[in-house]
Amino acid sequence: MAHNVLTVIYDGECGICEALKHQVQARDAHGCLRFVAYQTAELGALVPGLTASQAGRAVMVVRPDGRTWRGARAVIAALEHLPGIWGKIGAVGAIPAMSWLAGSAYRLVAARRATISRCLGLIQCRVTPARRT
């Protein structure tokens, strides 16, 4: 594996995550990103102390030097790492105001990912909906 490849730890049982992974892989002509489903990963080897519970809450990107990002910031970091227009989209997403908006959108989608996956005809997420009290 090249020294500049980012590792993307994602939910392999989430329809949205799987669909987006395939879209990004199709645009990653240089192999800049390596995708690993947290359900099958050696999490401690990727990020010391990382648990499946933590990895299941948000996508994570890990640099070879160990630096990590989570959630929307991880998506932005992955896009920034791609060549061409996708890298430029990632750079725009890294602007503080855009990053804040992306974070809000990420949390909104993440909280409803099982429903969104079902509505889009994607694989069903195994996320247990939080109970409202």
Foldseek 3Di string as FASTA:
>chain_A
DDQQAKEKEAAPQFQVRVVVVVVVVVQQPPRNYHYDHLVPDPVCVQANPDDSVNSHQFMKIAHSVGDMDTWLLRVLVSQCSGDDPSVVVSVVCPPVVNVVVSRVVRVVCSLCRQVVCVVVVTRGHPDDHDDDD
